[in-house]
């Protein structure tokens, strides 16, 4: 698993909200579960370079600020701002996240097979122009 650092490729072109196309974001009430699921994904063949562990402080410091201008100059037509606000609420409650590369339906399905073995709070897959509930 890699240390998360937000870069411009993970932000929407308009408004700059967090929008990592080709990835899925899953948040867990337990940081231990997030780490365990990340390790299980690596053990099942997912590259460690395709998995980011996001402690609550990282979500609050790097992802939360991306919505400050997401609705400026016009309200967003999508749900990216609301989704980031949901992550923020969970992070403030101590939830940790995993950001996992899921470029296709099969990768997303394999991810969720492992994720569903523990309690999770939210799971979103970012595709071009669509945020999909997993």
Foldseek 3Di string as FASTA:
>chain_A
DDEDDDDQCQADPAQGAGFNAQKKKWKALDLVLQVVLLVVVVVVPADNVQKHKFWLVNLVPHRLVSNPRNQPPHHDPDCRNVVSVVSNVSSVSGIIMMIGRHNDPVSVVVSVVSVVVHDTDFMWHHHVVDIDGD
